[in-house]
Amino acid sequence: MLHRFRFALLLVVAALGLVVMPASPASAHFDLAKSKPANGATVSGPLTEIRLVFTRVGEPVGSGFEFFDDTGRSVPAVADTPDDGTTWVVRPQTDIASGEVGLAWKLAAPDGHPKSGTITVTVAPPSR
């Protein structure tokens, strides 16, 4: 009887392990969680920054972050992180008054694999 109980308990523990194990890698996945302004948003100009929040800490790869104006030209930018790499604040060196703006980003995940993406925001001229 005790042998059967141990065997049943072992089966329950093994089944729980199979259910819980696949969730671990998903929770550790590195990706963009949100941006402010949000991708596709229209904001009143000038645009002074885009804030990116990731699911885990990341490090810039290569140029890391690059702004593009509505003509496709690169706009010099600076980036800093207030929390050691989960949040990145990217600021164009010149405020962008209007037009469609793209922010390309590329960061290395904690496991070293690079991840990249683009945020697009439309900047409406400030109302007078």
N, C-alpha and C. Protein backbone atom coordinates (compact mmCIF):
# COMPACT_ATOMS: atom_id res chain seq x y z
N MET A 1 0.82 -1.19 0.00
CA MET A 1 0.00 0.00 0.00
C MET A 1 0.87 1.26 0.00
N LEU A 2 1.88 1.29 0.85
CA LEU A 2 2.79 2.43 0.91
C LEU A 2 3.53 2.58 -0.41
N HIS A 3 3.89 1.45 -1.02
CA HIS A 3 4.58 1.48 -2.31
C HIS A 3 3.71 2.13 -3.38
N ARG A 4 2.43 1.80 -3.41
CA ARG A 4 1.50 2.40 -4.38
C ARG A 4 1.36 3.90 -4.15
N PHE A 5 1.29 4.33 -2.89
CA PHE A 5 1.17 5.74 -2.56
C PHE A 5 2.40 6.51 -3.05
N ARG A 6 3.57 5.97 -2.80
CA ARG A 6 4.80 6.62 -3.26
C ARG A 6 4.84 6.73 -4.78
N PHE A 7 4.43 5.65 -5.44
CA PHE A 7 4.41 5.64 -6.91
C PHE A 7 3.43 6.70 -7.43
N ALA A 8 2.25 6.79 -6.84
CA ALA A 8 1.25 7.78 -7.25
C ALA A 8 1.76 9.20 -7.00
N LEU A 9 2.41 9.40 -5.86
CA LEU A 9 2.97 10.71 -5.54
C LEU A 9 4.07 11.08 -6.53
N LEU A 10 4.90 10.12 -6.90
CA LEU A 10 5.96 10.35 -7.88
C LEU A 10 5.35 10.74 -9.23
N LEU A 11 4.29 10.08 -9.65
CA LEU A 11 3.63 10.42 -10.91
C LEU A 11 3.06 11.85 -10.87
N VAL A 12 2.46 12.23 -9.76
CA VAL A 12 1.89 13.58 -9.64
C VAL A 12 3.00 14.62 -9.71
N VAL A 13 4.10 14.40 -9.01
CA VAL A 13 5.22 15.33 -9.03
C VAL A 13 5.81 15.43 -10.43
N ALA A 14 5.97 14.30 -11.11
CA ALA A 14 6.51 14.32 -12.47
C ALA A 14 5.56 15.06 -13.42
N ALA A 15 4.26 14.84 -13.29
CA ALA A 15 3.30 15.53 -14.15
C ALA A 15 3.32 17.03 -13.90
N LEU A 16 3.42 17.44 -12.65
CA LEU A 16 3.51 18.87 -12.34
C LEU A 16 4.79 19.47 -12.92
N GLY A 17 5.87 18.72 -12.87
CA GLY A 17 7.13 19.19 -13.45
C GLY A 17 7.01 19.42 -14.94
N LEU A 18 6.31 18.55 -15.65
CA LEU A 18 6.12 18.72 -17.09
C LEU A 18 5.25 19.93 -17.40
N VAL A 19 4.30 20.23 -16.55
CA VAL A 19 3.43 21.37 -16.76
C VAL A 19 4.17 22.68 -16.48
N VAL A 20 4.97 22.71 -15.45
CA VAL A 20 5.65 23.93 -15.04
C VAL A 20 6.88 24.22 -15.89
N MET A 21 7.62 23.22 -16.32
CA MET A 21 8.87 23.43 -17.05
C MET A 21 8.70 24.24 -18.33
N PRO A 22 7.73 23.99 -19.21
CA PRO A 22 7.63 24.79 -20.43
C PRO A 22 7.37 26.27 -20.18
N ALA A 23 6.81 26.62 -19.04
CA ALA A 23 6.53 28.03 -18.76
C ALA A 23 7.79 28.81 -18.43
N SER A 24 8.82 28.16 -17.94
CA SER A 24 10.03 28.88 -17.54
C SER A 24 10.71 29.61 -18.68
N PRO A 25 11.01 28.97 -19.83
CA PRO A 25 11.66 29.73 -20.90
C PRO A 25 10.81 30.88 -21.42
N ALA A 26 9.50 30.72 -21.46
CA ALA A 26 8.66 31.80 -21.96
C ALA A 26 8.73 33.01 -21.04
N SER A 27 8.78 32.78 -19.74
CA SER A 27 8.83 33.91 -18.82
C SER A 27 10.19 34.60 -18.88
N ALA A 28 11.21 33.91 -19.39
CA ALA A 28 12.55 34.49 -19.48
C ALA A 28 12.79 35.12 -20.85
N HIS A 29 11.80 35.14 -21.72
CA HIS A 29 11.95 35.64 -23.08
C HIS A 29 12.23 37.14 -23.09
N PHE A 30 13.21 37.56 -23.89
CA PHE A 30 13.58 38.96 -24.00
C PHE A 30 12.85 39.60 -25.16
N ASP A 31 12.11 40.68 -24.90
CA ASP A 31 11.38 41.37 -25.96
C ASP A 31 10.99 42.76 -25.48
N LEU A 32 10.53 43.55 -26.41
CA LEU A 32 10.02 44.88 -26.08
C LEU A 32 8.65 44.70 -25.44
N ALA A 33 8.47 45.24 -24.23
CA ALA A 33 7.19 45.15 -23.54
C ALA A 33 6.27 46.30 -23.92
N LYS A 34 6.85 47.53 -23.99
CA LYS A 34 6.04 48.70 -24.36
C LYS A 34 6.96 49.85 -24.72
N SER A 35 6.36 50.83 -25.36
CA SER A 35 7.08 52.06 -25.66
C SER A 35 6.17 53.23 -25.35
N LYS A 36 6.80 54.36 -25.05
CA LYS A 36 6.04 55.58 -24.82
C LYS A 36 6.71 56.69 -25.60
N PRO A 37 6.07 57.26 -26.61
CA PRO A 37 4.73 56.92 -27.09
C PRO A 37 4.70 55.51 -27.70
N ALA A 38 3.49 54.99 -27.80
CA ALA A 38 3.29 53.64 -28.33
C ALA A 38 3.57 53.60 -29.83
N ASN A 39 3.94 52.43 -30.32
CA ASN A 39 4.16 52.25 -31.75
C ASN A 39 2.88 52.60 -32.51
N GLY A 40 3.01 53.45 -33.53
CA GLY A 40 1.86 53.86 -34.34
C GLY A 40 1.11 55.07 -33.80
N ALA A 41 1.52 55.58 -32.65
CA ALA A 41 0.82 56.72 -32.04
C ALA A 41 1.08 58.01 -32.80
N THR A 42 0.16 58.96 -32.63
CA THR A 42 0.35 60.33 -33.11
C THR A 42 0.47 61.20 -31.88
N VAL A 43 1.54 61.99 -31.84
CA VAL A 43 1.79 62.86 -30.69
C VAL A 43 1.93 64.30 -31.16
N SER A 44 1.63 65.23 -30.26
CA SER A 44 1.82 66.64 -30.57
C SER A 44 3.30 66.97 -30.39
N GLY A 45 3.87 67.64 -31.40
CA GLY A 45 5.31 67.94 -31.40
C GLY A 45 5.67 69.03 -30.43
N PRO A 46 6.93 69.18 -30.19
CA PRO A 46 8.02 68.39 -30.74
C PRO A 46 8.23 67.08 -29.97
N LEU A 47 8.79 66.10 -30.66
CA LEU A 47 9.13 64.83 -30.04
C LEU A 47 10.51 64.97 -29.42
N THR A 48 10.59 64.75 -28.12
CA THR A 48 11.87 64.92 -27.42
C THR A 48 12.49 63.60 -26.98
N GLU A 49 11.66 62.52 -26.91
CA GLU A 49 12.19 61.22 -26.51
C GLU A 49 11.20 60.12 -26.82
N ILE A 50 11.75 58.91 -26.92
CA ILE A 50 10.94 57.69 -26.94
C ILE A 50 11.52 56.79 -25.86
N ARG A 51 10.63 56.29 -25.01
CA ARG A 51 11.03 55.42 -23.90
C ARG A 51 10.65 53.98 -24.26
N LEU A 52 11.62 53.08 -24.21
CA LEU A 52 11.40 51.67 -24.50
C LEU A 52 11.57 50.85 -23.22
N VAL A 53 10.62 49.98 -22.94
CA VAL A 53 10.69 49.13 -21.76
C VAL A 53 10.71 47.68 -22.24
N PHE A 54 11.74 46.94 -21.83
CA PHE A 54 11.92 45.56 -22.25
C PHE A 54 11.56 44.61 -21.11
N THR A 55 11.34 43.35 -21.46
CA THR A 55 10.96 42.36 -20.47
C THR A 55 12.13 41.95 -19.58
N ARG A 56 13.35 42.17 -20.07
CA ARG A 56 14.57 41.85 -19.30
C ARG A 56 15.64 42.87 -19.67
N VAL A 57 16.73 42.82 -18.96
CA VAL A 57 17.86 43.72 -19.23
C VAL A 57 18.46 43.40 -20.59
N GLY A 58 18.80 44.45 -21.34
CA GLY A 58 19.45 44.28 -22.64
C GLY A 58 20.55 45.31 -22.82
N GLU A 59 21.50 44.98 -23.67
CA GLU A 59 22.62 45.87 -23.97
C GLU A 59 22.59 46.24 -25.45
N PRO A 60 22.80 47.52 -25.78
CA PRO A 60 22.82 47.91 -27.19
C PRO A 60 23.87 47.15 -27.98
N VAL A 61 23.51 46.82 -29.22
CA VAL A 61 24.41 46.15 -30.16
C VAL A 61 24.69 47.14 -31.28
N GLY A 62 25.96 47.31 -31.66
CA GLY A 62 26.30 48.27 -32.71
C GLY A 62 25.89 49.66 -32.29
N SER A 63 25.16 50.36 -33.17
CA SER A 63 24.71 51.71 -32.81
C SER A 63 23.59 51.65 -31.76
N GLY A 64 22.94 50.51 -31.61
CA GLY A 64 21.90 50.34 -30.59
C GLY A 64 20.57 50.96 -30.95
N PHE A 65 20.58 52.29 -31.12
CA PHE A 65 19.35 53.03 -31.39
C PHE A 65 19.62 54.05 -32.48
N GLU A 66 18.66 54.18 -33.40
CA GLU A 66 18.83 55.17 -34.46
C GLU A 66 17.48 55.73 -34.87
N PHE A 67 17.36 57.05 -34.81
CA PHE A 67 16.16 57.75 -35.26
C PHE A 67 16.25 57.99 -36.77
N PHE A 68 15.08 58.00 -37.43
CA PHE A 68 14.97 58.36 -38.84
C PHE A 68 13.82 59.34 -38.98
N ASP A 69 14.04 60.42 -39.73
CA ASP A 69 12.96 61.38 -39.94
C ASP A 69 12.07 60.92 -41.09
N ASP A 70 11.07 61.74 -41.46
CA ASP A 70 10.10 61.32 -42.48
C ASP A 70 10.69 61.24 -43.88
N THR A 71 11.92 61.70 -44.07
CA THR A 71 12.58 61.55 -45.37
C THR A 71 13.50 60.33 -45.37
N GLY A 72 13.62 59.66 -44.23
CA GLY A 72 14.49 58.49 -44.13
C GLY A 72 15.90 58.80 -43.69
N ARG A 73 16.17 60.08 -43.43
CA ARG A 73 17.51 60.47 -42.97
C ARG A 73 17.69 60.13 -41.50
N SER A 74 18.91 59.74 -41.18
CA SER A 74 19.25 59.44 -39.79
C SER A 74 19.31 60.73 -38.98
N VAL A 75 18.75 60.69 -37.78
CA VAL A 75 18.78 61.83 -36.87
C VAL A 75 19.65 61.41 -35.68
N PRO A 76 20.74 62.13 -35.41
CA PRO A 76 21.60 61.76 -34.28
C PRO A 76 20.79 61.69 -32.98
N ALA A 77 21.11 60.68 -32.16
CA ALA A 77 20.37 60.48 -30.92
C ALA A 77 21.31 60.01 -29.81
N VAL A 78 20.87 60.19 -28.59
CA VAL A 78 21.58 59.67 -27.43
C VAL A 78 20.61 58.78 -26.65
N ALA A 79 21.14 57.75 -26.02
CA ALA A 79 20.31 56.83 -25.25
C ALA A 79 20.93 56.62 -23.88
N ASP A 80 20.07 56.52 -22.90
CA ASP A 80 20.55 56.17 -21.57
C ASP A 80 19.50 55.29 -20.89
N THR A 81 19.93 54.62 -19.85
CA THR A 81 19.04 53.73 -19.13
C THR A 81 18.99 54.12 -17.65
N PRO A 82 17.77 54.38 -17.14
CA PRO A 82 17.67 54.74 -15.73
C PRO A 82 17.69 53.54 -14.79
N ASP A 83 17.63 52.32 -15.34
CA ASP A 83 17.52 51.14 -14.48
C ASP A 83 18.43 49.98 -14.92
N ASP A 84 19.59 50.30 -15.43
CA ASP A 84 20.61 49.30 -15.81
C ASP A 84 20.20 48.39 -16.96
N GLY A 85 19.33 48.86 -17.86
CA GLY A 85 19.11 48.13 -19.10
C GLY A 85 17.73 47.57 -19.38
N THR A 86 16.78 47.70 -18.48
CA THR A 86 15.42 47.26 -18.80
C THR A 86 14.68 48.36 -19.54
N THR A 87 14.88 49.60 -19.12
CA THR A 87 14.26 50.77 -19.75
C THR A 87 15.34 51.58 -20.44
N TRP A 88 15.06 52.00 -21.69
CA TRP A 88 15.98 52.85 -22.45
C TRP A 88 15.24 54.09 -22.89
N VAL A 89 15.83 55.25 -22.64
CA VAL A 89 15.25 56.53 -23.06
C VAL A 89 16.14 57.04 -24.20
N VAL A 90 15.54 57.19 -25.38
CA VAL A 90 16.28 57.60 -26.57
C VAL A 90 15.81 58.99 -26.96
N ARG A 91 16.76 59.91 -27.05
CA ARG A 91 16.45 61.32 -27.35
C ARG A 91 17.15 61.76 -28.62
N PRO A 92 16.38 62.33 -29.57
CA PRO A 92 17.05 62.91 -30.74
C PRO A 92 17.84 64.12 -30.26
N GLN A 93 19.01 64.35 -30.86
CA GLN A 93 19.82 65.50 -30.44
C GLN A 93 19.18 66.82 -30.83
N THR A 94 18.25 66.77 -31.79
CA THR A 94 17.44 67.93 -32.16
C THR A 94 15.99 67.50 -32.06
N ASP A 95 15.16 68.27 -31.35
CA ASP A 95 13.75 67.92 -31.24
C ASP A 95 13.13 67.80 -32.63
N ILE A 96 12.23 66.86 -32.79
CA ILE A 96 11.57 66.63 -34.07
C ILE A 96 10.18 67.27 -34.00
N ALA A 97 9.95 68.30 -34.83
CA ALA A 97 8.73 69.09 -34.74
C ALA A 97 7.53 68.45 -35.42
N SER A 98 7.74 67.70 -36.52
CA SER A 98 6.61 67.10 -37.22
C SER A 98 7.09 66.01 -38.16
N GLY A 99 6.13 65.20 -38.62
CA GLY A 99 6.42 64.15 -39.58
C GLY A 99 6.42 62.77 -38.93
N GLU A 100 6.61 61.76 -39.77
CA GLU A 100 6.68 60.39 -39.29
C GLU A 100 8.11 60.09 -38.90
N VAL A 101 8.29 59.55 -37.70
CA VAL A 101 9.61 59.28 -37.16
C VAL A 101 9.73 57.78 -36.90
N GLY A 102 10.88 57.23 -37.23
CA GLY A 102 11.15 55.84 -36.92
C GLY A 102 12.29 55.74 -35.94
N LEU A 103 12.18 54.82 -35.00
CA LEU A 103 13.28 54.53 -34.09
C LEU A 103 13.61 53.05 -34.23
N ALA A 104 14.77 52.77 -34.80
CA ALA A 104 15.24 51.39 -34.92
C ALA A 104 16.08 51.07 -33.69
N TRP A 105 15.88 49.89 -33.11
CA TRP A 105 16.66 49.49 -31.94
C TRP A 105 17.20 48.08 -32.13
N LYS A 106 18.36 47.84 -31.53
CA LYS A 106 18.95 46.51 -31.55
C LYS A 106 19.69 46.31 -30.24
N LEU A 107 19.25 45.32 -29.48
CA LEU A 107 19.85 45.03 -28.19
C LEU A 107 20.19 43.55 -28.10
N ALA A 108 21.16 43.24 -27.25
CA ALA A 108 21.51 41.85 -26.98
C ALA A 108 20.72 41.40 -25.77
N ALA A 109 20.08 40.26 -25.90
CA ALA A 109 19.35 39.66 -24.80
C ALA A 109 20.35 39.15 -23.76
N PRO A 110 19.87 38.80 -22.57
CA PRO A 110 20.78 38.28 -21.55
C PRO A 110 21.58 37.06 -22.00
N ASP A 111 21.02 36.28 -22.92
CA ASP A 111 21.77 35.11 -23.42
C ASP A 111 22.70 35.47 -24.57
N GLY A 112 22.77 36.76 -24.94
CA GLY A 112 23.69 37.22 -25.98
C GLY A 112 23.10 37.32 -27.36
N HIS A 113 21.91 36.76 -27.58
CA HIS A 113 21.30 36.83 -28.91
C HIS A 113 20.73 38.23 -29.15
N PRO A 114 21.01 38.81 -30.33
CA PRO A 114 20.48 40.14 -30.61
C PRO A 114 18.99 40.09 -30.96
N LYS A 115 18.30 41.13 -30.58
CA LYS A 115 16.88 41.31 -30.89
C LYS A 115 16.75 42.73 -31.42
N SER A 116 15.94 42.93 -32.46
CA SER A 116 15.80 44.26 -33.03
C SER A 116 14.34 44.53 -33.38
N GLY A 117 14.05 45.81 -33.57
CA GLY A 117 12.70 46.21 -33.94
C GLY A 117 12.67 47.68 -34.29
N THR A 118 11.50 48.16 -34.65
CA THR A 118 11.31 49.54 -35.03
C THR A 118 10.02 50.07 -34.41
N ILE A 119 10.08 51.28 -33.93
CA ILE A 119 8.90 52.00 -33.41
C ILE A 119 8.66 53.15 -34.39
N THR A 120 7.42 53.33 -34.81
CA THR A 120 7.07 54.44 -35.69
C THR A 120 6.06 55.34 -34.99
N VAL A 121 6.33 56.64 -35.00
CA VAL A 121 5.46 57.63 -34.35
C VAL A 121 5.26 58.78 -35.32
N THR A 122 4.02 59.27 -35.39
CA THR A 122 3.74 60.45 -36.20
C THR A 122 3.71 61.66 -35.26
N VAL A 123 4.51 62.66 -35.62
CA VAL A 123 4.59 63.88 -34.80
C VAL A 123 3.78 64.95 -35.50
N ALA A 124 2.71 65.40 -34.86
CA ALA A 124 1.87 66.47 -35.40
C ALA A 124 2.47 67.82 -34.99
N PRO A 125 2.48 68.80 -35.89
CA PRO A 125 3.00 70.11 -35.49
C PRO A 125 2.25 70.62 -34.28
N PRO A 126 2.95 71.32 -33.38
CA PRO A 126 2.27 71.85 -32.19
C PRO A 126 1.16 72.82 -32.60
N SER A 127 0.04 72.72 -31.91
CA SER A 127 -1.06 73.65 -32.22
C SER A 127 -0.75 75.01 -31.62
N ARG A 128 -1.21 76.04 -32.31
CA ARG A 128 -0.92 77.41 -31.84
C ARG A 128 -2.12 78.02 -31.21
